Amino acid sequence: MVRRVQPLHETMSLHLGVRTGDLTAALSKRRFDILYVSGHGADDKKREGGIVFAGANKAGKLHSLSAKALGDRLCSSGAWPRLIYLDFCESDAFAAELRQTFATRGAAGSCIVAWSTRALDSAYFLLCSAFFTHLAA
């Protein structure tokens, strides 16, 4: 049986190599039903936790964004995504903090997919491909 899927929005935005300011700008311009974050998680004291973004600042420090900061930015816009897919190692702690931020701000209702382990990029790719293929079916 073949079913035709009606998209929620006709447009899709793809942002590669973003910095925290780029993400903030994109989130302030429109509502996203799905927020997909692929990259590297920072879970050590040296990088201060969060999602690691492209590049470094003038002091050579990596750009990162904590779950609370991301949650606050999403809640401030009043339009948090229905699905947040965190595609980086050990993103489950980030997801738990993000859920807590949403609950504190009264913004429950997002589904968050996260990893509890480290894995090879090929494993992330396979799961992500299967997940979104079945979501669209």
C-alpha atoms as a PDB file:
ATOM      1  CA  MET A   1       0.000   0.000   0.000  1.00  0.00           C
ATOM      2  CA  VAL A   2       1.351   3.413  -0.927  1.00  0.00           C
ATOM      3  CA  ARG A   3       0.274   6.431   1.048  1.00  0.00           C
ATOM      4  CA  ARG A   4       0.895   9.983   0.047  1.00  0.00           C
ATOM      5  CA  VAL A   5       2.124  12.101   2.933  1.00  0.00           C
ATOM      6  CA  GLN A   6       1.041  15.694   3.191  1.00  0.00           C
ATOM      7  CA  PRO A   7       3.928  17.747   4.611  1.00  0.00           C
ATOM      8  CA  LEU A   8       3.281  20.003   7.580  1.00  0.00           C
ATOM      9  CA  HIS A   9       5.186  22.776   5.846  1.00  0.00           C
ATOM     10  CA  GLU A  10       6.231  23.002   2.235  1.00  0.00           C
ATOM     11  CA  THR A  11       9.610  24.446   3.155  1.00  0.00           C
ATOM     12  CA  MET A  12      12.603  22.986   4.879  1.00  0.00           C
ATOM     13  CA  SER A  13      15.624  24.794   6.216  1.00  0.00           C
ATOM     14  CA  LEU A  14      19.064  23.278   6.309  1.00  0.00           C
ATOM     15  CA  HIS A  15      21.796  25.103   8.174  1.00  0.00           C
ATOM     16  CA  LEU A  16      25.313  23.651   8.101  1.00  0.00           C
ATOM     17  CA  GLY A  17      28.240  24.691  10.272  1.00  0.00           C
ATOM     18  CA  VAL A  18      26.149  26.983  12.426  1.00  0.00           C
ATOM     19  CA  ARG A  19      27.212  28.958  15.462  1.00  0.00           C
ATOM     20  CA  THR A  20      24.975  29.724  18.427  1.00  0.00           C
ATOM     21  CA  GLY A  21      24.014  33.097  16.946  1.00  0.00           C
ATOM     22  CA  ASP A  22      23.012  31.441  13.669  1.00  0.00           C
ATOM     23  CA  LEU A  23      20.721  29.048  15.531  1.00  0.00           C
ATOM     24  CA  THR A  24      19.155  31.859  17.523  1.00  0.00           C
ATOM     25  CA  ALA A  25      18.525  33.853  14.338  1.00  0.00           C
ATOM     26  CA  ALA A  26      16.922  30.875  12.569  1.00  0.00           C
ATOM     27  CA  LEU A  27      14.692  30.091  15.562  1.00  0.00           C
ATOM     28  CA  SER A  28      13.535  33.709  15.840  1.00  0.00           C
ATOM     29  CA  LYS A  29      12.459  33.864  12.178  1.00  0.00           C
ATOM     30  CA  ARG A  30      10.022  30.970  12.042  1.00  0.00           C
ATOM     31  CA  ARG A  31       8.541  27.975  13.812  1.00  0.00           C
ATOM     32  CA  PHE A  32      10.074  24.583  13.129  1.00  0.00           C
ATOM     33  CA  ASP A  33       8.094  21.368  13.638  1.00  0.00           C
ATOM     34  CA  ILE A  34      11.323  19.368  13.751  1.00  0.00           C
ATOM     35  CA  LEU A  35      14.659  20.496  15.140  1.00  0.00           C
ATOM     36  CA  TYR A  36      17.415  18.079  14.139  1.00  0.00           C
ATOM     37  CA  VAL A  37      20.806  18.660  15.748  1.00  0.00           C
ATOM     38  CA  SER A  38      23.739  16.607  14.499  1.00  0.00           C
ATOM     39  CA  GLY A  39      27.205  17.178  15.800  1.00  0.00           C
ATOM     40  CA  HIS A  40      29.286  16.646  18.871  1.00  0.00           C
ATOM     41  CA  GLY A  41      28.161  16.837  22.448  1.00  0.00           C
ATOM     42  CA  ALA A  42      30.421  18.350  25.063  1.00  0.00           C
ATOM     43  CA  ASP A  43      30.183  16.637  28.397  1.00  0.00           C
ATOM     44  CA  ASP A  44      33.439  17.550  30.025  1.00  0.00           C
ATOM     45  CA  LYS A  45      34.409  20.509  32.195  1.00  0.00           C
ATOM     46  CA  LYS A  46      36.847  21.834  29.579  1.00  0.00           C
ATOM     47  CA  ARG A  47      34.038  22.522  27.086  1.00  0.00           C
ATOM     48  CA  GLU A  48      31.397  23.389  29.713  1.00  0.00           C
ATOM     49  CA  GLY A  49      28.777  20.947  28.419  1.00  0.00           C
ATOM     50  CA  GLY A  50      26.188  21.280  25.708  1.00  0.00           C
ATOM     51  CA  ILE A  51      26.208  21.131  21.931  1.00  0.00           C
ATOM     52  CA  VAL A  52      29.513  22.059  20.306  1.00  0.00           C
ATOM     53  CA  PHE A  53      29.105  24.395  17.330  1.00  0.00           C
ATOM     54  CA  ALA A  54      31.418  25.142  14.417  1.00  0.00           C
ATOM     55  CA  GLY A  55      34.458  27.339  14.878  1.00  0.00           C
ATOM     56  CA  ALA A  56      35.891  29.039  17.915  1.00  0.00           C
ATOM     57  CA  ASN A  57      35.757  32.533  19.307  1.00  0.00           C
ATOM     58  CA  LYS A  58      38.722  34.927  19.319  1.00  0.00           C
ATOM     59  CA  ALA A  59      39.999  33.401  22.560  1.00  0.00           C
ATOM     60  CA  GLY A  60      40.071  29.956  20.910  1.00  0.00           C
ATOM     61  CA  LYS A  61      37.176  28.655  22.990  1.00  0.00           C
ATOM     62  CA  LEU A  62      34.669  26.395  21.251  1.00  0.00           C
ATOM     63  CA  HIS A  63      31.131  27.658  20.788  1.00  0.00           C
ATOM     64  CA  SER A  64      28.730  25.558  22.849  1.00  0.00           C
ATOM     65  CA  LEU A  65      25.123  25.817  23.934  1.00  0.00           C
ATOM     66  CA  SER A  66      23.670  24.245  27.062  1.00  0.00           C
ATOM     67  CA  ALA A  67      20.313  22.493  27.122  1.00  0.00           C
ATOM     68  CA  LYS A  68      18.915  25.168  29.413  1.00  0.00           C
ATOM     69  CA  ALA A  69      20.034  27.931  27.046  1.00  0.00           C
ATOM     70  CA  LEU A  70      18.504  26.139  24.045  1.00  0.00           C
ATOM     71  CA  GLY A  71      15.289  25.471  25.975  1.00  0.00           C
ATOM     72  CA  ASP A  72      15.074  29.105  27.078  1.00  0.00           C
ATOM     73  CA  ARG A  73      15.535  30.289  23.477  1.00  0.00           C
ATOM     74  CA  LEU A  74      12.867  27.913  22.186  1.00  0.00           C
ATOM     75  CA  CYS A  75      10.425  28.875  24.965  1.00  0.00           C
ATOM     76  CA  SER A  76      11.054  32.599  24.466  1.00  0.00           C
ATOM     77  CA  SER A  77       9.951  32.266  20.848  1.00  0.00           C
ATOM     78  CA  GLY A  78       6.718  30.630  22.014  1.00  0.00           C
ATOM     79  CA  ALA A  79       7.035  28.038  19.261  1.00  0.00           C
ATOM     80  CA  TRP A  80       9.020  25.036  20.418  1.00  0.00           C
ATOM     81  CA  PRO A  81       9.314  22.149  17.928  1.00  0.00           C
ATOM     82  CA  ARG A  82       7.069  19.094  18.184  1.00  0.00           C
ATOM     83  CA  LEU A  83      10.090  16.829  17.607  1.00  0.00           C
ATOM     84  CA  ILE A  84      13.692  17.420  18.657  1.00  0.00           C
ATOM     85  CA  TYR A  85      16.200  14.843  17.388  1.00  0.00           C
ATOM     86  CA  LEU A  86      19.570  15.082  19.134  1.00  0.00           C
ATOM     87  CA  ASP A  87      22.077  13.176  17.012  1.00  0.00           C
ATOM     88  CA  PHE A  88      25.262  13.265  19.068  1.00  0.00           C
ATOM     89  CA  CYS A  89      26.986  11.014  21.589  1.00  0.00           C
ATOM     90  CA  GLU A  90      25.442  10.740  25.030  1.00  0.00           C
ATOM     91  CA  SER A  91      22.759  13.306  24.264  1.00  0.00           C
ATOM     92  CA  ASP A  92      20.374  11.770  26.809  1.00  0.00           C
ATOM     93  CA  ALA A  93      21.614  14.020  29.636  1.00  0.00           C
ATOM     94  CA  PHE A  94      21.145  17.045  27.361  1.00  0.00           C
ATOM     95  CA  ALA A  95      17.614  15.821  26.542  1.00  0.00           C
ATOM     96  CA  ALA A  96      16.752  15.402  30.234  1.00  0.00           C
ATOM     97  CA  GLU A  97      17.865  18.963  30.993  1.00  0.00           C
ATOM     98  CA  LEU A  98      15.980  20.266  27.966  1.00  0.00           C
ATOM     99  CA  ARG A  99      12.784  18.480  29.113  1.00  0.00           C
ATOM    100  CA  GLN A 100      13.246  19.993  32.588  1.00  0.00           C
ATOM    101  CA  THR A 101      13.608  23.471  31.102  1.00  0.00           C
ATOM    102  CA  PHE A 102      10.439  22.968  29.052  1.00  0.00           C
ATOM    103  CA  ALA A 103       8.523  21.730  32.113  1.00  0.00           C
ATOM    104  CA  THR A 104       9.703  24.668  34.232  1.00  0.00           C
ATOM    105  CA  ARG A 105       8.643  27.127  31.535  1.00  0.00           C
ATOM    106  CA  GLY A 106       5.294  25.400  30.878  1.00  0.00           C
ATOM    107  CA  ALA A 107       6.276  24.276  27.393  1.00  0.00           C
ATOM    108  CA  ALA A 108       5.639  20.549  27.564  1.00  0.00           C
ATOM    109  CA  GLY A 109       4.688  18.527  24.505  1.00  0.00           C
ATOM    110  CA  SER A 110       7.882  18.085  22.509  1.00  0.00           C
ATOM    111  CA  CYS A 111       9.111  14.593  21.731  1.00  0.00           C
ATOM    112  CA  ILE A 112      12.886  14.386  22.202  1.00  0.00           C
ATOM    113  CA  VAL A 113      14.965  11.588  20.662  1.00  0.00           C
ATOM    114  CA  ALA A 114      18.449  11.173  22.141  1.00  0.00           C
ATOM    115  CA  TRP A 115      21.355   8.729  22.512  1.00  0.00           C
ATOM    116  CA  SER A 116      22.528   7.267  25.820  1.00  0.00           C
ATOM    117  CA  THR A 117      25.838   5.966  24.456  1.00  0.00           C
ATOM    118  CA  ARG A 118      28.705   6.809  22.171  1.00  0.00           C
ATOM    119  CA  ALA A 119      28.512   5.323  18.691  1.00  0.00           C
ATOM    120  CA  LEU A 120      30.099   5.447  15.276  1.00  0.00           C
ATOM    121  CA  ASP A 121      28.780   8.019  12.828  1.00  0.00           C
ATOM    122  CA  SER A 122      27.560   5.153  10.615  1.00  0.00           C
ATOM    123  CA  ALA A 123      25.280   3.934  13.437  1.00  0.00           C
ATOM    124  CA  TYR A 124      23.838   7.427  13.875  1.00  0.00           C
ATOM    125  CA  PHE A 125      23.235   7.659  10.142  1.00  0.00           C
ATOM    126  CA  LEU A 126      21.445   4.291   9.965  1.00  0.00           C
ATOM    127  CA  LEU A 127      19.132   5.004  12.892  1.00  0.00           C
ATOM    128  CA  CYS A 128      18.374   8.531  11.719  1.00  0.00           C
ATOM    129  CA  SER A 129      17.600   7.336   8.190  1.00  0.00           C
ATOM    130  CA  ALA A 130      15.280   4.594   9.466  1.00  0.00           C
ATOM    131  CA  PHE A 131      13.606   6.919  11.982  1.00  0.00           C
ATOM    132  CA  PHE A 132      12.728   9.654   9.480  1.00  0.00           C
ATOM    133  CA  THR A 133      11.807   7.162   6.743  1.00  0.00           C
ATOM    134  CA  HIS A 134       9.246   5.541   9.038  1.00  0.00           C
ATOM    135  CA  LEU A 135       8.073   8.884  10.380  1.00  0.00           C
ATOM    136  CA  ALA A 136       7.240   9.983   6.845  1.00  0.00           C
ATOM    137  CA  ALA A 137       5.525   6.696   5.937  1.00  0.00           C
END
